[in-house]
N, C-alpha and C. Protein backbone atom coordinates (compact mmCIF):
# COMPACT_ATOMS: atom_id res chain seq x y z
N GLN A 1 -36.24 -20.94 40.84
CA GLN A 1 -36.51 -19.55 40.45
C GLN A 1 -35.70 -18.61 41.33
N VAL A 2 -35.14 -17.57 40.71
CA VAL A 2 -34.36 -16.57 41.43
C VAL A 2 -34.98 -15.21 41.14
N GLN A 3 -35.23 -14.44 42.16
CA GLN A 3 -35.68 -13.06 42.00
C GLN A 3 -34.60 -12.12 42.50
N LEU A 4 -34.35 -11.07 41.72
CA LEU A 4 -33.27 -10.14 42.01
C LEU A 4 -33.82 -8.73 42.13
N VAL A 5 -33.39 -8.00 43.15
CA VAL A 5 -33.84 -6.63 43.35
C VAL A 5 -32.62 -5.74 43.54
N GLU A 6 -32.45 -4.79 42.61
CA GLU A 6 -31.32 -3.87 42.67
C GLU A 6 -31.68 -2.63 43.47
N SER A 7 -30.67 -1.99 44.00
CA SER A 7 -30.82 -0.69 44.66
C SER A 7 -29.49 0.04 44.60
N GLY A 8 -29.54 1.36 44.88
CA GLY A 8 -28.31 2.13 44.97
C GLY A 8 -28.03 3.05 43.80
N GLY A 9 -28.85 3.00 42.77
CA GLY A 9 -28.63 3.90 41.65
C GLY A 9 -29.00 5.32 42.01
N GLY A 10 -28.71 6.24 41.11
CA GLY A 10 -29.06 7.64 41.35
C GLY A 10 -28.27 8.57 40.48
N LEU A 11 -28.29 9.84 40.87
CA LEU A 11 -27.60 10.91 40.14
C LEU A 11 -26.36 11.30 40.92
N VAL A 12 -25.24 11.38 40.22
CA VAL A 12 -23.98 11.74 40.86
C VAL A 12 -23.15 12.58 39.89
N GLN A 13 -22.32 13.44 40.42
CA GLN A 13 -21.44 14.23 39.56
C GLN A 13 -20.25 13.40 39.10
N ALA A 14 -19.69 13.78 37.98
CA ALA A 14 -18.49 13.11 37.48
C ALA A 14 -17.40 13.12 38.56
N GLY A 15 -16.73 11.98 38.70
CA GLY A 15 -15.72 11.83 39.73
C GLY A 15 -16.25 11.26 41.03
N GLY A 16 -17.56 11.19 41.14
CA GLY A 16 -18.18 10.69 42.35
C GLY A 16 -18.27 9.17 42.38
N SER A 17 -18.94 8.67 43.41
CA SER A 17 -19.05 7.23 43.62
C SER A 17 -20.49 6.83 43.91
N LEU A 18 -20.80 5.61 43.55
CA LEU A 18 -22.07 4.98 43.91
C LEU A 18 -21.80 3.52 44.22
N ARG A 19 -22.65 2.93 45.06
CA ARG A 19 -22.56 1.51 45.34
C ARG A 19 -23.92 0.88 45.03
N LEU A 20 -23.91 -0.03 44.07
CA LEU A 20 -25.12 -0.76 43.72
C LEU A 20 -25.18 -2.06 44.52
N SER A 21 -26.37 -2.43 44.90
CA SER A 21 -26.60 -3.70 45.59
C SER A 21 -27.66 -4.48 44.84
N CYS A 22 -27.57 -5.79 44.92
CA CYS A 22 -28.56 -6.66 44.29
C CYS A 22 -28.82 -7.83 45.24
N ALA A 23 -30.03 -7.85 45.76
CA ALA A 23 -30.41 -8.90 46.70
C ALA A 23 -31.19 -9.98 45.96
N ALA A 24 -30.80 -11.23 46.20
CA ALA A 24 -31.42 -12.35 45.51
C ALA A 24 -32.22 -13.21 46.47
N SER A 25 -33.33 -13.70 45.98
CA SER A 25 -34.09 -14.71 46.72
C SER A 25 -33.70 -16.08 46.19
N GLY A 26 -33.95 -17.11 46.96
CA GLY A 26 -33.63 -18.44 46.48
C GLY A 26 -32.30 -18.94 47.00
N SER A 27 -32.22 -20.24 47.18
CA SER A 27 -31.04 -20.85 47.80
C SER A 27 -29.91 -21.11 46.82
N ILE A 28 -30.14 -20.87 45.52
CA ILE A 28 -29.11 -21.22 44.55
C ILE A 28 -28.14 -20.07 44.29
N PHE A 29 -28.33 -18.94 44.94
CA PHE A 29 -27.46 -17.79 44.68
C PHE A 29 -26.00 -18.14 44.90
N SER A 30 -25.72 -18.87 45.97
CA SER A 30 -24.32 -19.13 46.32
C SER A 30 -23.60 -19.98 45.29
N ILE A 31 -24.33 -20.70 44.43
CA ILE A 31 -23.69 -21.52 43.41
C ILE A 31 -23.81 -20.89 42.03
N SER A 32 -24.16 -19.62 42.01
CA SER A 32 -24.36 -18.92 40.74
C SER A 32 -23.24 -17.94 40.46
N THR A 33 -22.94 -17.81 39.18
CA THR A 33 -22.17 -16.64 38.75
C THR A 33 -23.14 -15.46 38.76
N THR A 34 -22.70 -14.34 39.24
CA THR A 34 -23.57 -13.17 39.32
C THR A 34 -22.79 -11.92 38.93
N GLY A 35 -23.51 -10.87 38.62
CA GLY A 35 -22.81 -9.66 38.21
C GLY A 35 -23.75 -8.61 37.66
N TRP A 36 -23.16 -7.74 36.84
CA TRP A 36 -23.87 -6.56 36.37
C TRP A 36 -23.64 -6.33 34.87
N TYR A 37 -24.72 -5.94 34.21
CA TYR A 37 -24.67 -5.42 32.86
C TYR A 37 -25.16 -3.99 32.89
N LEU A 38 -24.83 -3.23 31.86
CA LEU A 38 -25.41 -1.91 31.69
C LEU A 38 -26.02 -1.79 30.30
N GLN A 39 -27.01 -0.92 30.20
CA GLN A 39 -27.62 -0.63 28.90
C GLN A 39 -27.86 0.86 28.79
N ALA A 40 -27.12 1.48 27.90
CA ALA A 40 -27.30 2.90 27.62
C ALA A 40 -28.41 3.07 26.58
N PRO A 41 -29.02 4.24 26.51
CA PRO A 41 -30.11 4.47 25.54
C PRO A 41 -29.67 4.17 24.12
N GLY A 42 -30.45 3.36 23.42
CA GLY A 42 -30.17 3.04 22.03
C GLY A 42 -29.04 2.06 21.82
N LYS A 43 -28.52 1.48 22.90
CA LYS A 43 -27.40 0.55 22.76
C LYS A 43 -27.77 -0.81 23.34
N GLN A 44 -26.96 -1.81 22.98
CA GLN A 44 -27.18 -3.15 23.50
C GLN A 44 -26.68 -3.24 24.94
N ARG A 45 -27.24 -4.21 25.63
CA ARG A 45 -26.79 -4.49 27.00
C ARG A 45 -25.38 -5.06 26.94
N GLU A 46 -24.50 -4.59 27.84
CA GLU A 46 -23.13 -5.07 27.82
C GLU A 46 -22.65 -5.39 29.25
N LEU A 47 -21.76 -6.34 29.32
CA LEU A 47 -21.26 -6.79 30.62
C LEU A 47 -20.39 -5.72 31.26
N VAL A 48 -20.63 -5.47 32.54
CA VAL A 48 -19.77 -4.58 33.33
C VAL A 48 -18.77 -5.41 34.12
N ALA A 49 -19.28 -6.37 34.88
CA ALA A 49 -18.43 -7.22 35.70
C ALA A 49 -19.23 -8.44 36.15
N HIS A 50 -18.50 -9.53 36.39
CA HIS A 50 -19.15 -10.68 37.00
C HIS A 50 -18.22 -11.32 38.02
N ILE A 51 -18.80 -12.10 38.90
CA ILE A 51 -18.06 -12.80 39.93
C ILE A 51 -18.63 -14.21 40.02
N THR A 52 -17.76 -15.20 40.00
CA THR A 52 -18.21 -16.58 40.05
C THR A 52 -18.50 -17.01 41.49
N SER A 53 -19.02 -18.22 41.63
CA SER A 53 -19.32 -18.73 42.97
C SER A 53 -18.05 -18.91 43.79
N SER A 54 -16.92 -19.09 43.13
CA SER A 54 -15.65 -19.25 43.83
C SER A 54 -14.94 -17.92 44.07
N GLY A 55 -15.51 -16.83 43.55
CA GLY A 55 -14.95 -15.50 43.81
C GLY A 55 -14.08 -14.94 42.71
N SER A 56 -13.94 -15.64 41.60
CA SER A 56 -13.18 -15.09 40.47
C SER A 56 -13.97 -13.96 39.83
N THR A 57 -13.26 -12.92 39.45
CA THR A 57 -13.93 -11.74 38.89
C THR A 57 -13.45 -11.44 37.47
N ASN A 58 -14.31 -10.73 36.75
CA ASN A 58 -13.98 -10.31 35.39
C ASN A 58 -14.63 -8.94 35.19
N TYR A 59 -13.89 -8.01 34.55
CA TYR A 59 -14.38 -6.65 34.35
C TYR A 59 -14.27 -6.25 32.88
N ALA A 60 -15.19 -5.41 32.46
CA ALA A 60 -15.04 -4.77 31.16
C ALA A 60 -13.84 -3.82 31.24
N ASP A 61 -13.13 -3.68 30.13
CA ASP A 61 -11.94 -2.81 30.11
C ASP A 61 -12.28 -1.39 30.54
N SER A 62 -13.47 -0.94 30.20
CA SER A 62 -13.85 0.45 30.46
C SER A 62 -13.99 0.76 31.95
N VAL A 63 -14.12 -0.27 32.79
CA VAL A 63 -14.33 -0.01 34.21
C VAL A 63 -13.19 -0.52 35.09
N LYS A 64 -12.22 -1.20 34.50
CA LYS A 64 -11.11 -1.73 35.28
C LYS A 64 -10.40 -0.62 36.04
N GLY A 65 -10.15 -0.87 37.31
CA GLY A 65 -9.48 0.12 38.14
C GLY A 65 -10.42 1.13 38.77
N ARG A 66 -11.67 1.15 38.33
CA ARG A 66 -12.66 2.09 38.88
C ARG A 66 -13.80 1.39 39.61
N PHE A 67 -14.21 0.23 39.10
CA PHE A 67 -15.33 -0.50 39.68
C PHE A 67 -14.81 -1.77 40.37
N THR A 68 -15.50 -2.15 41.45
CA THR A 68 -15.16 -3.38 42.16
C THR A 68 -16.44 -4.16 42.43
N ILE A 69 -16.44 -5.42 42.03
CA ILE A 69 -17.58 -6.28 42.30
C ILE A 69 -17.25 -7.19 43.48
N SER A 70 -18.26 -7.44 44.30
CA SER A 70 -18.07 -8.34 45.43
C SER A 70 -19.41 -9.01 45.73
N ARG A 71 -19.35 -10.08 46.53
CA ARG A 71 -20.57 -10.78 46.88
C ARG A 71 -20.54 -11.22 48.32
N ASP A 72 -21.71 -11.32 48.91
CA ASP A 72 -21.85 -11.83 50.27
C ASP A 72 -22.90 -12.94 50.19
N ASN A 73 -22.43 -14.18 50.15
CA ASN A 73 -23.35 -15.31 49.98
C ASN A 73 -24.27 -15.48 51.19
N ALA A 74 -23.82 -15.09 52.35
CA ALA A 74 -24.66 -15.20 53.54
C ALA A 74 -25.88 -14.28 53.44
N LYS A 75 -25.72 -13.18 52.69
CA LYS A 75 -26.82 -12.23 52.50
C LYS A 75 -27.44 -12.36 51.12
N ASN A 76 -26.97 -13.31 50.32
CA ASN A 76 -27.49 -13.47 48.94
C ASN A 76 -27.45 -12.16 48.18
N THR A 77 -26.34 -11.46 48.29
CA THR A 77 -26.24 -10.12 47.72
C THR A 77 -24.93 -9.94 46.96
N VAL A 78 -25.03 -9.25 45.83
CA VAL A 78 -23.85 -8.87 45.06
C VAL A 78 -23.80 -7.34 45.01
N TYR A 79 -22.59 -6.81 45.05
CA TYR A 79 -22.38 -5.37 45.09
C TYR A 79 -21.52 -4.91 43.92
N LEU A 80 -21.71 -3.66 43.54
CA LEU A 80 -20.83 -3.04 42.56
C LEU A 80 -20.46 -1.67 43.09
N GLN A 81 -19.21 -1.54 43.53
CA GLN A 81 -18.70 -0.26 43.98
C GLN A 81 -18.15 0.48 42.77
N MET A 82 -18.71 1.64 42.50
CA MET A 82 -18.32 2.41 41.31
C MET A 82 -17.69 3.72 41.76
N ASN A 83 -16.41 3.88 41.45
CA ASN A 83 -15.67 5.08 41.79
C ASN A 83 -15.24 5.82 40.52
N SER A 84 -14.85 7.07 40.69
CA SER A 84 -14.37 7.87 39.56
C SER A 84 -15.35 7.80 38.39
N LEU A 85 -16.61 7.98 38.68
CA LEU A 85 -17.64 7.84 37.65
C LEU A 85 -17.50 8.91 36.57
N LYS A 86 -17.85 8.49 35.36
CA LYS A 86 -17.76 9.36 34.18
C LYS A 86 -19.15 9.49 33.55
N PRO A 87 -19.40 10.56 32.83
CA PRO A 87 -20.71 10.69 32.16
C PRO A 87 -21.04 9.50 31.27
N GLU A 88 -20.03 8.89 30.68
CA GLU A 88 -20.28 7.74 29.81
C GLU A 88 -20.68 6.48 30.57
N ASP A 89 -20.63 6.52 31.89
CA ASP A 89 -21.12 5.40 32.70
C ASP A 89 -22.64 5.46 32.86
N THR A 90 -23.24 6.54 32.42
CA THR A 90 -24.69 6.70 32.54
C THR A 90 -25.42 5.61 31.78
N ALA A 91 -26.30 4.89 32.48
CA ALA A 91 -27.01 3.76 31.89
C ALA A 91 -27.96 3.18 32.93
N VAL A 92 -28.78 2.24 32.49
CA VAL A 92 -29.51 1.39 33.42
C VAL A 92 -28.62 0.19 33.70
N TYR A 93 -28.44 -0.11 34.98
CA TYR A 93 -27.58 -1.22 35.39
C TYR A 93 -28.48 -2.38 35.83
N TYR A 94 -28.21 -3.55 35.27
CA TYR A 94 -29.00 -4.74 35.54
C TYR A 94 -28.13 -5.79 36.25
N CYS A 95 -28.66 -6.30 37.32
CA CYS A 95 -28.04 -7.40 38.02
C CYS A 95 -28.49 -8.72 37.38
N PHE A 96 -27.60 -9.72 37.39
CA PHE A 96 -28.00 -11.04 36.92
C PHE A 96 -27.43 -12.11 37.85
N ALA A 97 -28.04 -13.27 37.79
CA ALA A 97 -27.52 -14.47 38.45
C ALA A 97 -27.72 -15.64 37.52
N GLN A 98 -26.71 -16.46 37.40
CA GLN A 98 -26.79 -17.61 36.49
C GLN A 98 -26.26 -18.86 37.18
N PRO A 99 -27.16 -19.71 37.65
CA PRO A 99 -26.70 -20.98 38.21
C PRO A 99 -26.07 -21.84 37.11
N VAL A 100 -25.25 -22.78 37.50
CA VAL A 100 -24.56 -23.63 36.54
C VAL A 100 -25.58 -24.35 35.65
N PHE A 101 -25.34 -24.31 34.35
CA PHE A 101 -26.16 -24.98 33.34
C PHE A 101 -27.59 -24.47 33.30
N GLN A 102 -27.83 -23.27 33.80
CA GLN A 102 -29.17 -22.68 33.76
C GLN A 102 -29.13 -21.33 33.07
N LYS A 103 -30.29 -20.78 32.83
CA LYS A 103 -30.40 -19.48 32.18
C LYS A 103 -30.00 -18.37 33.15
N LYS A 104 -29.82 -17.18 32.60
CA LYS A 104 -29.61 -15.99 33.43
C LYS A 104 -30.94 -15.50 33.97
N TYR A 105 -30.93 -15.12 35.23
CA TYR A 105 -32.05 -14.41 35.84
C TYR A 105 -31.65 -12.94 35.96
N TRP A 106 -32.63 -12.04 35.74
CA TRP A 106 -32.34 -10.61 35.70
C TRP A 106 -33.14 -9.84 36.74
N GLY A 107 -32.53 -8.77 37.23
CA GLY A 107 -33.26 -7.81 38.03
C GLY A 107 -33.97 -6.81 37.14
N GLN A 108 -34.66 -5.86 37.78
CA GLN A 108 -35.48 -4.91 37.02
C GLN A 108 -34.68 -3.72 36.51
N GLY A 109 -33.46 -3.57 37.01
CA GLY A 109 -32.61 -2.48 36.58
C GLY A 109 -32.67 -1.28 37.51
N THR A 110 -31.55 -0.56 37.59
CA THR A 110 -31.49 0.67 38.37
C THR A 110 -30.73 1.72 37.55
N GLN A 111 -31.27 2.94 37.54
CA GLN A 111 -30.69 4.00 36.71
C GLN A 111 -29.50 4.63 37.41
N VAL A 112 -28.43 4.77 36.67
CA VAL A 112 -27.26 5.53 37.13
C VAL A 112 -27.05 6.67 36.15
N THR A 113 -27.03 7.89 36.67
CA THR A 113 -26.82 9.07 35.84
C THR A 113 -25.64 9.86 36.39
N VAL A 114 -24.65 10.10 35.53
CA VAL A 114 -23.45 10.83 35.93
C VAL A 114 -23.44 12.15 35.17
N SER A 115 -23.49 13.24 35.89
CA SER A 115 -23.51 14.56 35.26
C SER A 115 -22.08 15.11 35.14
N SER A 116 -21.87 15.89 34.09
CA SER A 116 -20.52 16.44 33.85
C SER A 116 -20.36 17.80 34.52
């Protein structure tokens, strides 16, 4: 079992930055792919970025060049540095962890609101 707790969301003006953190319990974090999804009101959840256990990363086209995902396995934590934020980035951001051949585990979500 993996439990995930996000932090770092909030209200920011367009062009600003936020850093999301997701702390995981459990020893399997280091062998999991982990990352972030977002869900805007009335829309489906969509992938923002993920990072594998070996450090390979993947980003949605909409955030490339603005967001950076990283992980610290010693702290069982994944981060999402979000720069040059836009109003369309406004959403609830969910952290996930997926050990090999297992289901995704989800955090409770953190709200990010970008004002114009």
